[in-house]
């Protein structure tokens, strides 16, 4: 049972880390080309946060 919770924690940690990396990448990417649709979405998402 303890092993399952470890896996769950690891998965959640990995998910949050990948989400953070994605946002950092998008922020850097959108400085280069802001006209992309995904960049507009990102700005709206960050504004909500």
PDB file of N, CA and C in Angstrom:
ATOM      1  N   UNK A   1       0.830  -1.201   0.000  1.00  0.00           N
ATOM      2  CA  UNK A   1       0.000   0.000   0.000  1.00  0.00           C
ATOM      3  C   UNK A   1       0.869   1.258   0.000  1.00  0.00           C
ATOM      4  N   UNK A   2       1.951   1.203   0.746  1.00  0.00           N
ATOM      5  CA  UNK A   2       2.859   2.343   0.825  1.00  0.00           C
ATOM      6  C   UNK A   2       3.518   2.634  -0.519  1.00  0.00           C
ATOM      7  N   UNK A   3       3.788   1.569  -1.266  1.00  0.00           N
ATOM      8  CA  UNK A   3       4.413   1.706  -2.580  1.00  0.00           C
ATOM      9  C   UNK A   3       3.510   2.449  -3.559  1.00  0.00           C
ATOM     10  N   UNK A   4       2.212   2.237  -3.455  1.00  0.00           N
ATOM     11  CA  UNK A   4       1.240   2.882  -4.343  1.00  0.00           C
ATOM     12  C   UNK A   4       1.214   4.395  -4.108  1.00  0.00           C
ATOM     13  N   UNK A   5       1.240   4.806  -2.843  1.00  0.00           N
ATOM     14  CA  UNK A   5       1.222   6.232  -2.519  1.00  0.00           C
ATOM     15  C   UNK A   5       2.512   6.913  -2.987  1.00  0.00           C
ATOM     16  N   UNK A   6       3.616   6.185  -2.931  1.00  0.00           N
ATOM     17  CA  UNK A   6       4.879   6.718  -3.441  1.00  0.00           C
ATOM     18  C   UNK A   6       4.783   6.973  -4.940  1.00  0.00           C
ATOM     19  N   UNK A   7       4.206   6.022  -5.652  1.00  0.00           N
ATOM     20  CA  UNK A   7       4.025   6.165  -7.099  1.00  0.00           C
ATOM     21  C   UNK A   7       3.113   7.340  -7.415  1.00  0.00           C
ATOM     22  N   UNK A   8       2.056   7.487  -6.631  1.00  0.00           N
ATOM     23  CA  UNK A   8       1.102   8.581  -6.835  1.00  0.00           C
ATOM     24  C   UNK A   8       1.769   9.932  -6.604  1.00  0.00           C
ATOM     25  N   UNK A   9       2.560  10.029  -5.546  1.00  0.00           N
ATOM     26  CA  UNK A   9       3.291  11.261  -5.257  1.00  0.00           C
ATOM     27  C   UNK A   9       4.280  11.577  -6.366  1.00  0.00           C
ATOM     28  N   UNK A  10       4.955  10.559  -6.840  1.00  0.00           N
ATOM     29  CA  UNK A  10       5.909  10.730  -7.929  1.00  0.00           C
ATOM     30  C   UNK A  10       5.233  11.199  -9.203  1.00  0.00           C
ATOM     31  N   UNK A  11       4.080  10.651  -9.483  1.00  0.00           N
ATOM     32  CA  UNK A  11       3.323  11.029 -10.675  1.00  0.00           C
ATOM     33  C   UNK A  11       2.852  12.475 -10.590  1.00  0.00           C
ATOM     34  N   UNK A  12       2.318  12.858  -9.428  1.00  0.00           N
ATOM     35  CA  UNK A  12       1.843  14.229  -9.220  1.00  0.00           C
ATOM     36  C   UNK A  12       3.007  15.214  -9.330  1.00  0.00           C
ATOM     37  N   UNK A  13       4.139  14.872  -8.726  1.00  0.00           N
ATOM     38  CA  UNK A  13       5.327  15.721  -8.791  1.00  0.00           C
ATOM     39  C   UNK A  13       5.798  15.888 -10.228  1.00  0.00           C
ATOM     40  N   UNK A  14       5.839  14.801 -10.970  1.00  0.00           N
ATOM     41  CA  UNK A  14       6.249  14.828 -12.371  1.00  0.00           C
ATOM     42  C   UNK A  14       5.293  15.666 -13.207  1.00  0.00           C
ATOM     43  N   UNK A  15       4.003  15.539 -12.929  1.00  0.00           N
ATOM     44  CA  UNK A  15       2.974  16.289 -13.650  1.00  0.00           C
ATOM     45  C   UNK A  15       3.126  17.790 -13.412  1.00  0.00           C
ATOM     46  N   UNK A  16       3.302  18.183 -12.157  1.00  0.00           N
ATOM     47  CA  UNK A  16       3.472  19.598 -11.825  1.00  0.00           C
ATOM     48  C   UNK A  16       4.756  20.159 -12.419  1.00  0.00           C
ATOM     49  N   UNK A  17       5.812  19.365 -12.393  1.00  0.00           N
ATOM     50  CA  UNK A  17       7.090  19.785 -12.957  1.00  0.00           C
ATOM     51  C   UNK A  17       6.984  19.994 -14.461  1.00  0.00           C
ATOM     52  N   UNK A  18       6.327  19.073 -15.151  1.00  0.00           N
ATOM     53  CA  UNK A  18       6.160  19.195 -16.602  1.00  0.00           C
ATOM     54  C   UNK A  18       5.275  20.394 -16.954  1.00  0.00           C
ATOM     55  N   UNK A  19       4.270  20.661 -16.112  1.00  0.00           N
ATOM     56  CA  UNK A  19       3.396  21.813 -16.313  1.00  0.00           C
ATOM     57  C   UNK A  19       4.185  23.114 -16.163  1.00  0.00           C
ATOM     58  N   UNK A  20       5.044  23.166 -15.149  1.00  0.00           N
ATOM     59  CA  UNK A  20       5.883  24.341 -14.921  1.00  0.00           C
ATOM     60  C   UNK A  20       6.848  24.558 -16.076  1.00  0.00           C
ATOM     61  N   UNK A  21       7.496  23.490 -16.533  1.00  0.00           N
ATOM     62  CA  UNK A  21       8.416  23.575 -17.662  1.00  0.00           C
ATOM     63  C   UNK A  21       7.705  24.020 -18.928  1.00  0.00           C
ATOM     64  N   UNK A  22       6.485  23.537 -19.121  1.00  0.00           N
ATOM     65  CA  UNK A  22       5.680  23.916 -20.272  1.00  0.00           C
ATOM     66  C   UNK A  22       5.398  25.418 -20.268  1.00  0.00           C
ATOM     67  N   UNK A  23       5.030  25.941 -19.101  1.00  0.00           N
ATOM     68  CA  UNK A  23       4.727  27.366 -18.995  1.00  0.00           C
ATOM     69  C   UNK A  23       5.970  28.226 -19.197  1.00  0.00           C
ATOM     70  N   UNK A  24       7.102  27.781 -18.665  1.00  0.00           N
ATOM     71  CA  UNK A  24       8.352  28.512 -18.862  1.00  0.00           C
ATOM     72  C   UNK A  24       8.754  28.513 -20.331  1.00  0.00           C
ATOM     73  N   UNK A  25       8.608  27.368 -20.983  1.00  0.00           N
ATOM     74  CA  UNK A  25       8.921  27.246 -22.404  1.00  0.00           C
ATOM     75  C   UNK A  25       8.017  28.137 -23.240  1.00  0.00           C
ATOM     76  N   UNK A  26       6.729  28.136 -22.914  1.00  0.00           N
ATOM     77  CA  UNK A  26       5.766  28.953 -23.656  1.00  0.00           C
ATOM     78  C   UNK A  26       6.037  30.438 -23.479  1.00  0.00           C
ATOM     79  N   UNK A  27       6.404  30.831 -22.267  1.00  0.00           N
ATOM     80  CA  UNK A  27       6.710  32.237 -22.013  1.00  0.00           C
ATOM     81  C   UNK A  27       7.911  32.681 -22.850  1.00  0.00           C
ATOM     82  N   UNK A  28       8.946  31.828 -22.899  1.00  0.00           N
ATOM     83  CA  UNK A  28      10.129  32.123 -23.706  1.00  0.00           C
ATOM     84  C   UNK A  28       9.796  32.128 -25.193  1.00  0.00           C
ATOM     85  N   UNK A  29       9.010  31.156 -25.611  1.00  0.00           N
ATOM     86  CA  UNK A  29       8.637  30.990 -27.015  1.00  0.00           C
ATOM     87  C   UNK A  29       7.783  32.155 -27.497  1.00  0.00           C
ATOM     88  N   UNK A  30       6.905  32.649 -26.619  1.00  0.00           N
ATOM     89  CA  UNK A  30       5.984  33.724 -26.990  1.00  0.00           C
ATOM     90  C   UNK A  30       6.672  35.082 -27.045  1.00  0.00           C
ATOM     91  N   UNK A  31       7.832  35.206 -26.441  1.00  0.00           N
ATOM     92  CA  UNK A  31       8.621  36.429 -26.577  1.00  0.00           C
ATOM     93  C   UNK A  31       9.168  36.544 -27.994  1.00  0.00           C
ATOM     94  N   UNK A  32       9.410  35.406 -28.619  1.00  0.00           N
ATOM     95  CA  UNK A  32       9.927  35.377 -29.989  1.00  0.00           C
ATOM     96  C   UNK A  32       8.814  35.653 -30.989  1.00  0.00           C
ATOM     97  N   UNK A  33       7.708  34.917 -30.858  1.00  0.00           N
ATOM     98  CA  UNK A  33       6.588  35.062 -31.795  1.00  0.00           C
ATOM     99  C   UNK A  33       5.280  35.107 -31.015  1.00  0.00           C
ATOM    100  N   UNK A  34       4.804  36.318 -30.740  1.00  0.00           N
ATOM    101  CA  UNK A  34       3.622  36.490 -29.900  1.00  0.00           C
ATOM    102  C   UNK A  34       2.317  36.316 -30.667  1.00  0.00           C
ATOM    103  N   UNK A  35       2.397  36.288 -31.989  1.00  0.00           N
ATOM    104  CA  UNK A  35       1.189  36.233 -32.819  1.00  0.00           C
ATOM    105  C   UNK A  35       0.511  34.862 -32.814  1.00  0.00           C
ATOM    106  N   UNK A  36       1.191  33.864 -32.271  1.00  0.00           N
ATOM    107  CA  UNK A  36       0.626  32.519 -32.236  1.00  0.00           C
ATOM    108  C   UNK A  36      -0.594  32.450 -31.324  1.00  0.00           C
ATOM    109  N   UNK A  37      -1.546  31.649 -31.731  1.00  0.00           N
ATOM    110  CA  UNK A  37      -2.800  31.491 -30.979  1.00  0.00           C
ATOM    111  C   UNK A  37      -2.560  30.917 -29.576  1.00  0.00           C
ATOM    112  N   UNK A  38      -1.635  29.966 -29.500  1.00  0.00           N
ATOM    113  CA  UNK A  38      -1.351  29.318 -28.211  1.00  0.00           C
ATOM    114  C   UNK A  38      -0.763  30.314 -27.220  1.00  0.00           C
ATOM    115  N   UNK A  39      -0.071  31.324 -27.731  1.00  0.00           N
ATOM    116  CA  UNK A  39       0.506  32.351 -26.864  1.00  0.00           C
ATOM    117  C   UNK A  39      -0.574  33.249 -26.281  1.00  0.00           C
ATOM    118  N   UNK A  40      -1.584  33.526 -27.067  1.00  0.00           N
ATOM    119  CA  UNK A  40      -2.709  34.314 -26.565  1.00  0.00           C
ATOM    120  C   UNK A  40      -3.442  33.542 -25.476  1.00  0.00           C
ATOM    121  N   UNK A  41      -3.607  32.248 -25.685  1.00  0.00           N
ATOM    122  CA  UNK A  41      -4.214  31.381 -24.674  1.00  0.00           C
ATOM    123  C   UNK A  41      -3.391  31.401 -23.390  1.00  0.00           C
ATOM    124  N   UNK A  42      -2.092  31.344 -23.541  1.00  0.00           N
ATOM    125  CA  UNK A  42      -1.186  31.325 -22.396  1.00  0.00           C
ATOM    126  C   UNK A  42      -1.304  32.612 -21.579  1.00  0.00           C
ATOM    127  N   UNK A  43      -1.403  33.732 -22.254  1.00  0.00           N
ATOM    128  CA  UNK A  43      -1.541  35.018 -21.570  1.00  0.00           C
ATOM    129  C   UNK A  43      -2.847  35.082 -20.782  1.00  0.00           C
ATOM    130  N   UNK A  44      -3.910  34.577 -21.374  1.00  0.00           N
ATOM    131  CA  UNK A  44      -5.207  34.534 -20.692  1.00  0.00           C
ATOM    132  C   UNK A  44      -5.128  33.621 -19.466  1.00  0.00           C
ATOM    133  N   UNK A  45      -4.463  32.497 -19.622  1.00  0.00           N
ATOM    134  CA  UNK A  45      -4.318  31.538 -18.527  1.00  0.00           C
ATOM    135  C   UNK A  45      -3.522  32.137 -17.370  1.00  0.00           C
ATOM    136  N   UNK A  46      -2.437  32.829 -17.692  1.00  0.00           N
ATOM    137  CA  UNK A  46      -1.613  33.465 -16.669  1.00  0.00           C
ATOM    138  C   UNK A  46      -2.362  34.611 -15.992  1.00  0.00           C
ATOM    139  N   UNK A  47      -3.204  35.288 -16.746  1.00  0.00           N
ATOM    140  CA  UNK A  47      -3.999  36.390 -16.190  1.00  0.00           C
ATOM    141  C   UNK A  47      -5.019  35.875 -15.171  1.00  0.00           C
ATOM    142  N   UNK A  48      -5.579  34.697 -15.453  1.00  0.00           N
ATOM    143  CA  UNK A  48      -6.534  34.067 -14.539  1.00  0.00           C
ATOM    144  C   UNK A  48      -5.833  33.672 -13.234  1.00  0.00           C
ATOM    145  N   UNK A  49      -4.633  33.120 -13.354  1.00  0.00           N
ATOM    146  CA  UNK A  49      -3.858  32.759 -12.171  1.00  0.00           C
ATOM    147  C   UNK A  49      -3.465  34.008 -11.397  1.00  0.00           C
TER     148      UNK A  49
END
